[in-house]
N, C-alpha and C. Protein backbone atom coordinates (compact mmCIF):
# COMPACT_ATOMS: atom_id res chain seq x y z
N MET A 1 104.34 92.72 130.69
CA MET A 1 104.69 92.66 129.27
C MET A 1 105.03 91.23 128.85
N VAL A 2 105.75 90.52 129.71
CA VAL A 2 106.15 89.15 129.37
C VAL A 2 104.93 88.26 129.20
N LYS A 3 103.92 88.49 130.04
CA LYS A 3 102.74 87.64 129.97
C LYS A 3 101.97 87.85 128.67
N LYS A 4 102.11 89.03 128.06
CA LYS A 4 101.34 89.31 126.85
C LYS A 4 102.01 88.77 125.60
N ALA A 5 103.29 88.43 125.68
CA ALA A 5 104.03 87.98 124.51
C ALA A 5 103.41 86.75 123.85
N PRO A 6 103.06 85.68 124.60
CA PRO A 6 102.45 84.52 123.94
C PRO A 6 101.18 84.87 123.19
N ARG A 7 100.38 85.80 123.73
CA ARG A 7 99.16 86.20 123.06
C ARG A 7 99.46 86.87 121.74
N ARG A 8 100.49 87.74 121.75
CA ARG A 8 100.88 88.43 120.52
C ARG A 8 101.43 87.43 119.50
N THR A 9 102.18 86.46 119.97
CA THR A 9 102.72 85.43 119.07
C THR A 9 101.59 84.62 118.46
N ALA A 10 100.64 84.22 119.27
CA ALA A 10 99.50 83.45 118.77
C ALA A 10 98.72 84.24 117.73
N GLU A 11 98.55 85.52 117.97
CA GLU A 11 97.84 86.38 117.02
C GLU A 11 98.59 86.47 115.70
N ARG A 12 99.91 86.66 115.79
CA ARG A 12 100.73 86.75 114.59
C ARG A 12 100.71 85.46 113.80
N ILE A 13 100.72 84.34 114.49
CA ILE A 13 100.65 83.03 113.82
C ILE A 13 99.37 82.94 113.00
N LEU A 14 98.25 83.35 113.57
CA LEU A 14 96.98 83.28 112.84
C LEU A 14 96.98 84.22 111.64
N GLU A 15 97.54 85.41 111.80
CA GLU A 15 97.58 86.37 110.69
C GLU A 15 98.38 85.82 109.52
N VAL A 16 99.54 85.26 109.80
CA VAL A 16 100.40 84.73 108.75
C VAL A 16 99.78 83.46 108.14
N THR A 17 99.18 82.63 108.98
CA THR A 17 98.53 81.41 108.48
C THR A 17 97.39 81.77 107.53
N LEU A 18 96.59 82.74 107.88
CA LEU A 18 95.50 83.16 107.01
C LEU A 18 96.04 83.66 105.67
N GLU A 19 97.09 84.46 105.74
CA GLU A 19 97.70 84.97 104.51
C GLU A 19 98.20 83.84 103.62
N LEU A 20 98.86 82.87 104.21
CA LEU A 20 99.39 81.74 103.43
C LEU A 20 98.29 80.85 102.90
N PHE A 21 97.29 80.55 103.74
CA PHE A 21 96.16 79.74 103.29
C PHE A 21 95.47 80.41 102.10
N ASN A 22 95.25 81.71 102.20
CA ASN A 22 94.57 82.43 101.13
C ASN A 22 95.41 82.46 99.85
N ARG A 23 96.72 82.58 100.01
CA ARG A 23 97.59 82.71 98.84
C ARG A 23 97.80 81.38 98.12
N PHE A 24 98.01 80.31 98.90
CA PHE A 24 98.40 79.04 98.30
C PHE A 24 97.34 77.95 98.40
N GLY A 25 96.32 78.16 99.23
CA GLY A 25 95.35 77.11 99.50
C GLY A 25 95.79 76.29 100.69
N GLU A 26 94.86 75.99 101.58
CA GLU A 26 95.20 75.29 102.83
C GLU A 26 95.93 73.97 102.62
N PRO A 27 95.53 73.12 101.63
CA PRO A 27 96.25 71.84 101.49
C PRO A 27 97.72 72.01 101.13
N ASN A 28 98.08 73.15 100.56
CA ASN A 28 99.45 73.36 100.11
C ASN A 28 100.33 74.07 101.14
N VAL A 29 99.79 74.31 102.33
CA VAL A 29 100.54 75.03 103.36
C VAL A 29 100.75 74.11 104.56
N SER A 30 102.00 73.83 104.86
CA SER A 30 102.34 72.98 106.01
C SER A 30 102.68 73.84 107.22
N THR A 31 102.67 73.24 108.38
CA THR A 31 103.08 73.97 109.58
C THR A 31 104.55 74.35 109.50
N THR A 32 105.33 73.56 108.78
CA THR A 32 106.75 73.92 108.59
C THR A 32 106.87 75.22 107.79
N LEU A 33 106.06 75.35 106.76
CA LEU A 33 106.07 76.59 105.97
C LEU A 33 105.62 77.77 106.81
N ILE A 34 104.60 77.56 107.62
CA ILE A 34 104.10 78.65 108.47
C ILE A 34 105.18 79.11 109.45
N SER A 35 105.84 78.17 110.10
CA SER A 35 106.88 78.54 111.08
C SER A 35 108.05 79.22 110.37
N ALA A 36 108.39 78.76 109.16
CA ALA A 36 109.48 79.38 108.41
C ALA A 36 109.11 80.81 108.02
N GLU A 37 107.88 81.02 107.59
CA GLU A 37 107.42 82.36 107.21
C GLU A 37 107.46 83.31 108.40
N LEU A 38 107.17 82.78 109.56
CA LEU A 38 107.17 83.59 110.79
C LEU A 38 108.57 83.78 111.36
N GLY A 39 109.50 82.92 110.95
CA GLY A 39 110.83 82.98 111.54
C GLY A 39 110.89 82.44 112.95
N ILE A 40 110.03 81.46 113.24
CA ILE A 40 110.03 80.83 114.56
C ILE A 40 110.25 79.33 114.38
N SER A 41 110.56 78.66 115.46
CA SER A 41 110.77 77.21 115.38
C SER A 41 109.43 76.50 115.30
N PRO A 42 109.38 75.30 114.68
CA PRO A 42 108.15 74.51 114.70
C PRO A 42 107.64 74.26 116.12
N GLY A 43 108.57 74.10 117.06
CA GLY A 43 108.17 73.87 118.45
C GLY A 43 107.42 75.06 119.03
N ASN A 44 107.84 76.26 118.66
CA ASN A 44 107.14 77.47 119.12
C ASN A 44 105.74 77.52 118.54
N LEU A 45 105.62 77.15 117.26
CA LEU A 45 104.29 77.11 116.64
C LEU A 45 103.41 76.08 117.34
N TYR A 46 103.96 74.89 117.59
CA TYR A 46 103.16 73.83 118.22
C TYR A 46 102.79 74.17 119.66
N TYR A 47 103.57 75.00 120.29
CA TYR A 47 103.24 75.44 121.66
C TYR A 47 101.89 76.16 121.66
N HIS A 48 101.66 76.98 120.64
CA HIS A 48 100.42 77.75 120.56
C HIS A 48 99.30 76.97 119.86
N TYR A 49 99.67 76.22 118.83
CA TYR A 49 98.68 75.47 118.05
C TYR A 49 99.27 74.08 117.77
N PRO A 50 98.95 73.10 118.61
CA PRO A 50 99.59 71.78 118.53
C PRO A 50 99.30 71.01 117.24
N ALA A 51 98.30 71.42 116.47
CA ALA A 51 97.97 70.72 115.23
C ALA A 51 97.45 71.73 114.20
N LYS A 52 97.60 71.39 112.94
CA LYS A 52 97.14 72.29 111.88
C LYS A 52 95.64 72.54 111.97
N ASP A 53 94.88 71.53 112.36
CA ASP A 53 93.43 71.70 112.51
C ASP A 53 93.10 72.79 113.51
N GLU A 54 93.93 72.96 114.52
CA GLU A 54 93.66 74.01 115.51
C GLU A 54 93.82 75.40 114.89
N LEU A 55 94.75 75.53 113.96
CA LEU A 55 94.88 76.79 113.22
C LEU A 55 93.64 77.03 112.37
N ILE A 56 93.21 75.99 111.66
CA ILE A 56 92.03 76.10 110.80
C ILE A 56 90.80 76.44 111.64
N ASN A 57 90.63 75.74 112.75
CA ASN A 57 89.46 75.98 113.59
C ASN A 57 89.46 77.38 114.20
N SER A 58 90.63 77.85 114.59
CA SER A 58 90.71 79.19 115.17
C SER A 58 90.35 80.26 114.13
N LEU A 59 90.84 80.08 112.92
CA LEU A 59 90.50 81.03 111.86
C LEU A 59 89.01 80.95 111.52
N PHE A 60 88.48 79.72 111.50
CA PHE A 60 87.05 79.57 111.22
C PHE A 60 86.21 80.22 112.30
N ASP A 61 86.62 80.08 113.56
CA ASP A 61 85.88 80.71 114.65
C ASP A 61 85.80 82.22 114.47
N ARG A 62 86.90 82.81 114.03
CA ARG A 62 86.92 84.26 113.78
C ARG A 62 85.98 84.62 112.63
N TYR A 63 86.04 83.81 111.59
CA TYR A 63 85.15 84.05 110.44
C TYR A 63 83.69 83.93 110.87
N GLU A 64 83.36 82.88 111.60
CA GLU A 64 81.98 82.64 112.01
C GLU A 64 81.44 83.77 112.88
N LYS A 65 82.28 84.28 113.79
CA LYS A 65 81.87 85.39 114.65
C LYS A 65 81.62 86.65 113.82
N ALA A 66 82.55 86.96 112.91
CA ALA A 66 82.38 88.14 112.06
C ALA A 66 81.15 87.99 111.16
N LEU A 67 80.92 86.78 110.66
CA LEU A 67 79.76 86.54 109.80
C LEU A 67 78.46 86.74 110.56
N ASP A 68 78.36 86.19 111.76
CA ASP A 68 77.13 86.33 112.54
C ASP A 68 76.85 87.80 112.85
N ASP A 69 77.90 88.56 113.17
CA ASP A 69 77.72 90.00 113.41
C ASP A 69 77.20 90.69 112.16
N LEU A 70 77.74 90.31 111.02
CA LEU A 70 77.34 90.94 109.76
C LEU A 70 75.93 90.54 109.34
N LEU A 71 75.59 89.28 109.50
CA LEU A 71 74.26 88.81 109.10
C LEU A 71 73.14 89.50 109.87
N ALA A 72 73.44 89.95 111.07
CA ALA A 72 72.43 90.67 111.85
C ALA A 72 71.95 91.92 111.13
N ALA A 73 72.77 92.46 110.24
CA ALA A 73 72.40 93.68 109.51
C ALA A 73 71.32 93.43 108.47
N SER A 74 71.02 92.16 108.18
CA SER A 74 69.99 91.86 107.18
C SER A 74 68.63 92.42 107.58
N ASP A 75 68.40 92.59 108.88
CA ASP A 75 67.12 93.13 109.34
C ASP A 75 66.90 94.56 108.86
N GLY A 76 67.99 95.27 108.55
CA GLY A 76 67.86 96.67 108.15
C GLY A 76 67.78 96.89 106.65
N VAL A 77 67.82 95.83 105.85
CA VAL A 77 67.77 95.97 104.40
C VAL A 77 66.33 96.25 103.96
N ARG A 78 66.16 97.34 103.21
CA ARG A 78 64.82 97.73 102.77
C ARG A 78 64.71 97.90 101.26
N ASP A 79 65.82 98.10 100.56
CA ASP A 79 65.75 98.32 99.11
C ASP A 79 67.00 97.73 98.45
N VAL A 80 67.09 97.86 97.13
CA VAL A 80 68.20 97.22 96.43
C VAL A 80 69.55 97.85 96.78
N GLU A 81 69.55 99.13 97.10
CA GLU A 81 70.82 99.76 97.47
C GLU A 81 71.33 99.19 98.79
N ASP A 82 70.42 99.02 99.77
CA ASP A 82 70.80 98.35 101.02
C ASP A 82 71.27 96.93 100.75
N ALA A 83 70.53 96.23 99.88
CA ALA A 83 70.86 94.84 99.57
C ALA A 83 72.21 94.73 98.87
N TRP A 84 72.49 95.68 97.97
CA TRP A 84 73.78 95.69 97.27
C TRP A 84 74.93 95.84 98.28
N PHE A 85 74.80 96.80 99.17
CA PHE A 85 75.84 97.03 100.18
C PHE A 85 75.98 95.81 101.08
N PHE A 86 74.86 95.23 101.49
CA PHE A 86 74.88 94.07 102.37
C PHE A 86 75.59 92.89 101.71
N MET A 87 75.24 92.61 100.45
CA MET A 87 75.85 91.48 99.76
C MET A 87 77.33 91.72 99.49
N HIS A 88 77.66 92.94 99.10
CA HIS A 88 79.06 93.23 98.83
C HIS A 88 79.90 93.09 100.11
N THR A 89 79.33 93.51 101.24
CA THR A 89 80.04 93.36 102.51
C THR A 89 80.22 91.89 102.88
N LEU A 90 79.20 91.09 102.59
CA LEU A 90 79.33 89.64 102.82
C LEU A 90 80.45 89.06 101.96
N PHE A 91 80.49 89.46 100.71
CA PHE A 91 81.54 88.95 99.83
C PHE A 91 82.92 89.41 100.29
N GLU A 92 83.01 90.61 100.83
CA GLU A 92 84.31 91.07 101.33
C GLU A 92 84.79 90.21 102.49
N LEU A 93 83.86 89.80 103.35
CA LEU A 93 84.24 88.92 104.46
C LEU A 93 84.65 87.54 103.93
N ILE A 94 83.89 87.03 102.97
CA ILE A 94 84.24 85.74 102.37
C ILE A 94 85.62 85.83 101.72
N TRP A 95 85.89 86.96 101.06
CA TRP A 95 87.22 87.14 100.44
C TRP A 95 88.32 87.14 101.50
N GLN A 96 88.05 87.76 102.64
CA GLN A 96 89.06 87.82 103.70
C GLN A 96 89.44 86.42 104.18
N TYR A 97 88.47 85.49 104.14
CA TYR A 97 88.71 84.11 104.56
C TYR A 97 88.48 83.16 103.37
N ARG A 98 88.97 83.55 102.22
CA ARG A 98 88.63 82.84 100.99
C ARG A 98 89.16 81.41 100.94
N PHE A 99 90.18 81.08 101.72
CA PHE A 99 90.68 79.71 101.70
C PHE A 99 89.59 78.73 102.12
N LEU A 100 88.69 79.17 103.02
CA LEU A 100 87.60 78.29 103.45
C LEU A 100 86.72 77.89 102.29
N TYR A 101 86.49 78.83 101.38
CA TYR A 101 85.59 78.59 100.25
C TYR A 101 86.33 77.95 99.08
N ARG A 102 87.56 78.32 98.89
CA ARG A 102 88.36 77.72 97.81
C ARG A 102 88.57 76.23 98.06
N ASP A 103 88.80 75.86 99.30
CA ASP A 103 89.12 74.47 99.65
C ASP A 103 88.01 73.82 100.47
N LEU A 104 86.79 74.28 100.28
CA LEU A 104 85.69 73.91 101.18
C LEU A 104 85.47 72.40 101.25
N ASN A 105 85.31 71.74 100.11
CA ASN A 105 85.01 70.30 100.14
C ASN A 105 86.13 69.51 100.80
N ASP A 106 87.36 69.89 100.51
CA ASP A 106 88.50 69.19 101.11
C ASP A 106 88.53 69.40 102.62
N LEU A 107 88.30 70.64 103.05
CA LEU A 107 88.30 70.94 104.48
C LEU A 107 87.21 70.18 105.21
N LEU A 108 86.01 70.15 104.64
CA LEU A 108 84.90 69.48 105.30
C LEU A 108 85.12 67.98 105.40
N SER A 109 85.79 67.40 104.40
CA SER A 109 86.01 65.96 104.41
C SER A 109 87.03 65.54 105.47
N LYS A 110 87.88 66.49 105.90
CA LYS A 110 88.94 66.15 106.85
C LYS A 110 88.67 66.64 108.26
N ASN A 111 87.72 67.55 108.42
CA ASN A 111 87.56 68.22 109.71
C ASN A 111 86.10 68.15 110.13
N ARG A 112 85.80 67.25 111.06
CA ARG A 112 84.42 67.01 111.49
C ARG A 112 83.82 68.26 112.14
N ARG A 113 84.61 68.98 112.91
CA ARG A 113 84.10 70.18 113.56
C ARG A 113 83.69 71.21 112.52
N LEU A 114 84.52 71.38 111.51
CA LEU A 114 84.20 72.32 110.45
C LEU A 114 82.96 71.88 109.68
N GLU A 115 82.84 70.59 109.47
CA GLU A 115 81.67 70.06 108.75
C GLU A 115 80.37 70.45 109.44
N THR A 116 80.31 70.25 110.75
CA THR A 116 79.07 70.56 111.47
C THR A 116 78.85 72.07 111.59
N HIS A 117 79.93 72.82 111.81
CA HIS A 117 79.78 74.27 111.97
C HIS A 117 79.43 74.95 110.66
N PHE A 118 79.93 74.42 109.55
CA PHE A 118 79.60 75.06 108.27
C PHE A 118 78.14 74.84 107.90
N GLN A 119 77.55 73.74 108.36
CA GLN A 119 76.12 73.55 108.17
C GLN A 119 75.34 74.65 108.90
N THR A 120 75.83 75.02 110.08
CA THR A 120 75.21 76.13 110.83
C THR A 120 75.39 77.44 110.08
N VAL A 121 76.57 77.64 109.49
CA VAL A 121 76.82 78.85 108.70
C VAL A 121 75.79 78.96 107.58
N LEU A 122 75.55 77.86 106.87
CA LEU A 122 74.57 77.88 105.78
C LEU A 122 73.18 78.23 106.30
N GLN A 123 72.82 77.68 107.43
CA GLN A 123 71.52 77.98 108.03
C GLN A 123 71.40 79.45 108.38
N HIS A 124 72.45 80.01 108.97
CA HIS A 124 72.44 81.42 109.35
C HIS A 124 72.36 82.32 108.12
N LYS A 125 73.08 81.95 107.07
CA LYS A 125 73.00 82.72 105.83
C LYS A 125 71.58 82.69 105.27
N SER A 126 70.99 81.51 105.24
CA SER A 126 69.63 81.37 104.70
C SER A 126 68.63 82.18 105.50
N HIS A 127 68.71 82.13 106.82
CA HIS A 127 67.79 82.89 107.66
C HIS A 127 67.97 84.39 107.44
N ALA A 128 69.23 84.81 107.30
CA ALA A 128 69.50 86.24 107.11
C ALA A 128 68.94 86.73 105.77
N VAL A 129 69.16 85.95 104.71
CA VAL A 129 68.65 86.35 103.39
C VAL A 129 67.13 86.36 103.41
N LYS A 130 66.53 85.40 104.09
CA LYS A 130 65.06 85.38 104.19
C LYS A 130 64.57 86.62 104.94
N ARG A 131 65.27 87.01 106.00
CA ARG A 131 64.87 88.23 106.72
C ARG A 131 65.02 89.46 105.83
N MET A 132 66.06 89.47 105.01
CA MET A 132 66.25 90.56 104.08
C MET A 132 65.06 90.64 103.11
N LEU A 133 64.65 89.50 102.57
CA LEU A 133 63.50 89.49 101.65
C LEU A 133 62.22 89.91 102.36
N ASP A 134 62.05 89.48 103.59
CA ASP A 134 60.86 89.87 104.36
C ASP A 134 60.82 91.38 104.55
N GLY A 135 61.97 91.96 104.90
CA GLY A 135 62.04 93.40 105.10
C GLY A 135 61.75 94.17 103.81
N MET A 136 62.30 93.70 102.70
CA MET A 136 62.06 94.35 101.41
C MET A 136 60.60 94.19 100.97
N SER A 137 60.01 93.07 101.32
CA SER A 137 58.59 92.84 100.99
C SER A 137 57.68 93.78 101.77
N ARG A 138 58.03 94.00 103.04
CA ARG A 138 57.17 94.84 103.88
C ARG A 138 57.07 96.27 103.37
N VAL A 139 58.15 96.76 102.76
CA VAL A 139 58.12 98.14 102.26
C VAL A 139 57.80 98.21 100.77
N GLY A 140 57.53 97.05 100.16
CA GLY A 140 57.11 97.05 98.75
C GLY A 140 58.24 97.06 97.75
N SER A 141 59.48 96.85 98.18
CA SER A 141 60.59 96.81 97.22
C SER A 141 60.55 95.54 96.37
N VAL A 142 60.08 94.45 96.97
CA VAL A 142 59.89 93.21 96.23
C VAL A 142 58.48 92.69 96.47
N HIS A 143 58.00 91.93 95.51
CA HIS A 143 56.68 91.28 95.63
C HIS A 143 56.90 89.79 95.38
N ILE A 144 56.91 89.04 96.45
CA ILE A 144 57.24 87.62 96.36
C ILE A 144 56.47 86.87 97.44
N ASP A 145 55.90 85.72 97.05
CA ASP A 145 55.15 84.97 98.07
C ASP A 145 56.09 84.08 98.87
N GLU A 146 55.57 83.50 99.93
CA GLU A 146 56.39 82.79 100.90
C GLU A 146 57.15 81.63 100.29
N ARG A 147 56.48 80.85 99.42
CA ARG A 147 57.14 79.69 98.83
C ARG A 147 58.28 80.11 97.91
N GLU A 148 58.05 81.13 97.12
CA GLU A 148 59.10 81.63 96.23
C GLU A 148 60.24 82.26 97.02
N ALA A 149 59.90 82.92 98.12
CA ALA A 149 60.93 83.56 98.94
C ALA A 149 61.88 82.51 99.52
N GLU A 150 61.34 81.39 99.96
CA GLU A 150 62.18 80.33 100.53
C GLU A 150 63.16 79.80 99.49
N ALA A 151 62.64 79.48 98.29
CA ALA A 151 63.50 78.94 97.23
C ALA A 151 64.51 79.97 96.74
N THR A 152 64.06 81.22 96.64
CA THR A 152 64.96 82.28 96.17
C THR A 152 66.08 82.52 97.17
N ALA A 153 65.75 82.51 98.46
CA ALA A 153 66.77 82.69 99.49
C ALA A 153 67.82 81.58 99.41
N THR A 154 67.36 80.34 99.20
CA THR A 154 68.30 79.23 99.08
C THR A 154 69.21 79.41 97.87
N SER A 155 68.62 79.82 96.74
CA SER A 155 69.42 80.04 95.54
C SER A 155 70.45 81.14 95.75
N MET A 156 70.07 82.19 96.45
CA MET A 156 71.00 83.28 96.73
C MET A 156 72.15 82.81 97.60
N VAL A 157 71.86 81.95 98.57
CA VAL A 157 72.91 81.42 99.44
C VAL A 157 73.85 80.51 98.65
N VAL A 158 73.31 79.74 97.72
CA VAL A 158 74.16 78.88 96.89
C VAL A 158 75.16 79.73 96.10
N VAL A 159 74.67 80.79 95.46
CA VAL A 159 75.57 81.66 94.69
C VAL A 159 76.58 82.34 95.62
N LEU A 160 76.10 82.80 96.75
CA LEU A 160 76.97 83.47 97.72
C LEU A 160 78.09 82.53 98.19
N THR A 161 77.75 81.28 98.41
CA THR A 161 78.71 80.33 98.96
C THR A 161 79.71 79.83 97.93
N TYR A 162 79.27 79.67 96.68
CA TYR A 162 80.14 79.05 95.68
C TYR A 162 80.64 80.02 94.61
N TRP A 163 80.42 81.30 94.79
CA TRP A 163 80.83 82.25 93.77
C TRP A 163 82.35 82.25 93.57
N LEU A 164 83.12 82.25 94.64
CA LEU A 164 84.57 82.28 94.48
C LEU A 164 85.08 81.02 93.81
N SER A 165 84.43 79.88 94.03
CA SER A 165 84.81 78.66 93.32
C SER A 165 84.57 78.83 91.83
N PHE A 166 83.46 79.45 91.47
CA PHE A 166 83.16 79.72 90.07
C PHE A 166 84.22 80.63 89.46
N GLU A 167 84.58 81.69 90.19
CA GLU A 167 85.61 82.61 89.70
C GLU A 167 86.93 81.87 89.51
N TYR A 168 87.25 80.99 90.43
CA TYR A 168 88.50 80.26 90.36
C TYR A 168 88.52 79.33 89.14
N VAL A 169 87.42 78.65 88.87
CA VAL A 169 87.35 77.76 87.71
C VAL A 169 87.46 78.58 86.42
N ARG A 170 86.84 79.74 86.39
CA ARG A 170 86.90 80.61 85.22
C ARG A 170 88.34 81.01 84.88
N ASP A 171 89.13 81.29 85.91
CA ASP A 171 90.47 81.82 85.68
C ASP A 171 91.38 81.42 86.83
N PRO A 172 91.82 80.14 86.85
CA PRO A 172 92.55 79.63 88.01
C PRO A 172 93.83 80.40 88.33
N ARG A 173 94.48 80.95 87.35
CA ARG A 173 95.76 81.60 87.58
C ARG A 173 95.62 83.00 88.19
N ARG A 174 94.46 83.64 87.96
CA ARG A 174 94.36 85.04 88.38
C ARG A 174 93.15 85.35 89.27
N ALA A 175 92.17 84.47 89.31
CA ALA A 175 90.89 84.82 89.94
C ALA A 175 91.02 85.22 91.40
N LEU A 176 91.89 84.57 92.14
CA LEU A 176 91.98 84.82 93.58
C LEU A 176 93.16 85.72 93.95
N GLU A 177 93.69 86.42 92.95
CA GLU A 177 94.72 87.41 93.24
C GLU A 177 94.08 88.70 93.74
N ALA A 178 94.79 89.40 94.62
CA ALA A 178 94.21 90.57 95.28
C ALA A 178 93.76 91.64 94.30
N GLU A 179 94.50 91.82 93.20
CA GLU A 179 94.15 92.89 92.26
C GLU A 179 92.84 92.62 91.52
N ASN A 180 92.38 91.37 91.55
CA ASN A 180 91.12 91.03 90.89
C ASN A 180 89.95 90.94 91.86
N ALA A 181 90.22 91.22 93.12
CA ALA A 181 89.21 90.99 94.15
C ALA A 181 87.95 91.82 93.94
N GLN A 182 88.10 93.13 93.75
CA GLN A 182 86.93 93.98 93.71
C GLN A 182 85.98 93.62 92.57
N MET A 183 86.54 93.32 91.40
CA MET A 183 85.68 92.92 90.29
C MET A 183 84.98 91.60 90.57
N ALA A 184 85.69 90.65 91.18
CA ALA A 184 85.09 89.36 91.52
C ALA A 184 83.96 89.53 92.51
N LEU A 185 84.18 90.38 93.53
CA LEU A 185 83.15 90.61 94.54
C LEU A 185 81.95 91.34 93.96
N MET A 186 82.20 92.29 93.08
CA MET A 186 81.11 93.02 92.46
C MET A 186 80.27 92.09 91.59
N ARG A 187 80.94 91.23 90.82
CA ARG A 187 80.19 90.28 90.00
C ARG A 187 79.36 89.34 90.87
N GLY A 188 79.93 88.93 92.00
CA GLY A 188 79.19 88.06 92.90
C GLY A 188 77.94 88.73 93.44
N ALA A 189 78.08 89.97 93.93
CA ALA A 189 76.92 90.70 94.44
C ALA A 189 75.87 90.89 93.35
N GLN A 190 76.33 91.19 92.15
CA GLN A 190 75.40 91.39 91.04
C GLN A 190 74.60 90.12 90.74
N HIS A 191 75.28 88.99 90.68
CA HIS A 191 74.58 87.76 90.32
C HIS A 191 73.67 87.26 91.43
N VAL A 192 74.05 87.49 92.68
CA VAL A 192 73.13 87.15 93.77
C VAL A 192 71.85 87.97 93.66
N LEU A 193 72.00 89.28 93.46
CA LEU A 193 70.83 90.16 93.43
C LEU A 193 70.03 90.01 92.14
N ASN A 194 70.66 89.53 91.07
CA ASN A 194 69.90 89.28 89.84
C ASN A 194 68.79 88.26 90.05
N LEU A 195 68.95 87.41 91.05
CA LEU A 195 67.90 86.44 91.35
C LEU A 195 66.62 87.11 91.84
N LEU A 196 66.73 88.37 92.26
CA LEU A 196 65.55 89.10 92.73
C LEU A 196 64.83 89.85 91.61
N VAL A 197 65.45 89.95 90.44
CA VAL A 197 64.90 90.80 89.37
C VAL A 197 63.43 90.50 89.07
N PRO A 198 63.00 89.24 88.96
CA PRO A 198 61.58 89.00 88.64
C PRO A 198 60.61 89.51 89.70
N TYR A 199 61.11 89.76 90.91
CA TYR A 199 60.23 90.14 92.01
C TYR A 199 60.35 91.61 92.41
N LEU A 200 61.32 92.31 91.82
CA LEU A 200 61.55 93.69 92.21
C LEU A 200 60.47 94.63 91.67
N GLU A 201 60.10 95.60 92.48
CA GLU A 201 59.25 96.69 92.03
C GLU A 201 60.00 97.41 90.89
N PRO A 202 59.29 97.87 89.83
CA PRO A 202 59.97 98.41 88.63
C PRO A 202 61.05 99.45 88.92
N GLU A 203 60.79 100.39 89.81
CA GLU A 203 61.81 101.39 90.10
C GLU A 203 63.04 100.76 90.76
N GLN A 204 62.79 99.77 91.57
CA GLN A 204 63.91 99.07 92.21
C GLN A 204 64.72 98.27 91.18
N ARG A 205 64.03 97.69 90.20
CA ARG A 205 64.72 96.96 89.14
C ARG A 205 65.62 97.90 88.34
N THR A 206 65.09 99.07 88.05
CA THR A 206 65.88 100.07 87.33
C THR A 206 67.08 100.52 88.15
N HIS A 207 66.86 100.70 89.44
CA HIS A 207 67.95 101.15 90.30
C HIS A 207 69.05 100.09 90.40
N LEU A 208 68.67 98.82 90.40
CA LEU A 208 69.67 97.76 90.43
C LEU A 208 70.53 97.81 89.17
N ARG A 209 69.91 98.01 88.02
CA ARG A 209 70.67 98.13 86.77
C ARG A 209 71.62 99.32 86.85
N GLU A 210 71.16 100.42 87.43
CA GLU A 210 72.01 101.61 87.55
C GLU A 210 73.20 101.34 88.48
N LEU A 211 72.96 100.62 89.57
CA LEU A 211 74.06 100.28 90.47
C LEU A 211 75.10 99.42 89.78
N VAL A 212 74.63 98.42 89.04
CA VAL A 212 75.54 97.54 88.31
C VAL A 212 76.36 98.35 87.31
N GLN A 213 75.69 99.23 86.56
CA GLN A 213 76.38 100.05 85.57
C GLN A 213 77.41 100.96 86.23
N THR A 214 77.03 101.57 87.34
CA THR A 214 77.94 102.48 88.04
C THR A 214 79.19 101.75 88.52
N TYR A 215 79.01 100.58 89.11
CA TYR A 215 80.17 99.85 89.62
C TYR A 215 81.01 99.27 88.50
N ASN A 216 80.37 98.88 87.40
CA ASN A 216 81.12 98.41 86.24
C ASN A 216 82.01 99.52 85.68
N ASN A 217 81.47 100.73 85.62
CA ASN A 217 82.23 101.85 85.11
C ASN A 217 83.36 102.24 86.05
N THR A 218 83.09 102.12 87.36
CA THR A 218 84.11 102.48 88.35
C THR A 218 85.30 101.54 88.29
N ASP A 219 85.03 100.25 88.07
CA ASP A 219 86.10 99.25 88.11
C ASP A 219 86.71 98.94 86.75
N SER A 220 86.17 99.55 85.70
CA SER A 220 86.71 99.25 84.38
C SER A 220 87.95 100.06 84.09
């Protein structure tokens, strides 16, 4: 039991750090605040994570692992309903680690490891969205040629990556509060998938409109 205590402490530190980063933004959270929130000494915190960057990197590693597992599901997307669920699930993961996206430029400018790894994240997102489009094309849900598919996938990744920043600029005081999360995520999924509208088979286009209407009514 004694040997497991440090592991539990390290886990709790990451949980509280993620909560604080998400609530206040990473630049506004010091290790002193984290240790105070946990009720432990700064020395205890430094024993597990000697620098703030190690906390950031550990949280990013968790996000990257969860993202890679989720992106693998893109191979199974065949229609707009699959795509809606896939995108909404991606946004839910982004929301869980929203401090990364809220403070992205600042984090990348200060953390070389994050800078290089986030480039990989963008590549993985692009490949996954392209696989999603390929799968939808094979079954006739979308009709799009290779050149358009590449550009459309990139545009979808841009919206996916910067949607929470857009929401924050729209309403800085409330956008990233938990009670507004579902509407923000739904709007994000809707706008990502709207990029497919010119290429969707007519019944699929109609179904996308129905999905948007249904979720709007549910959350209103």
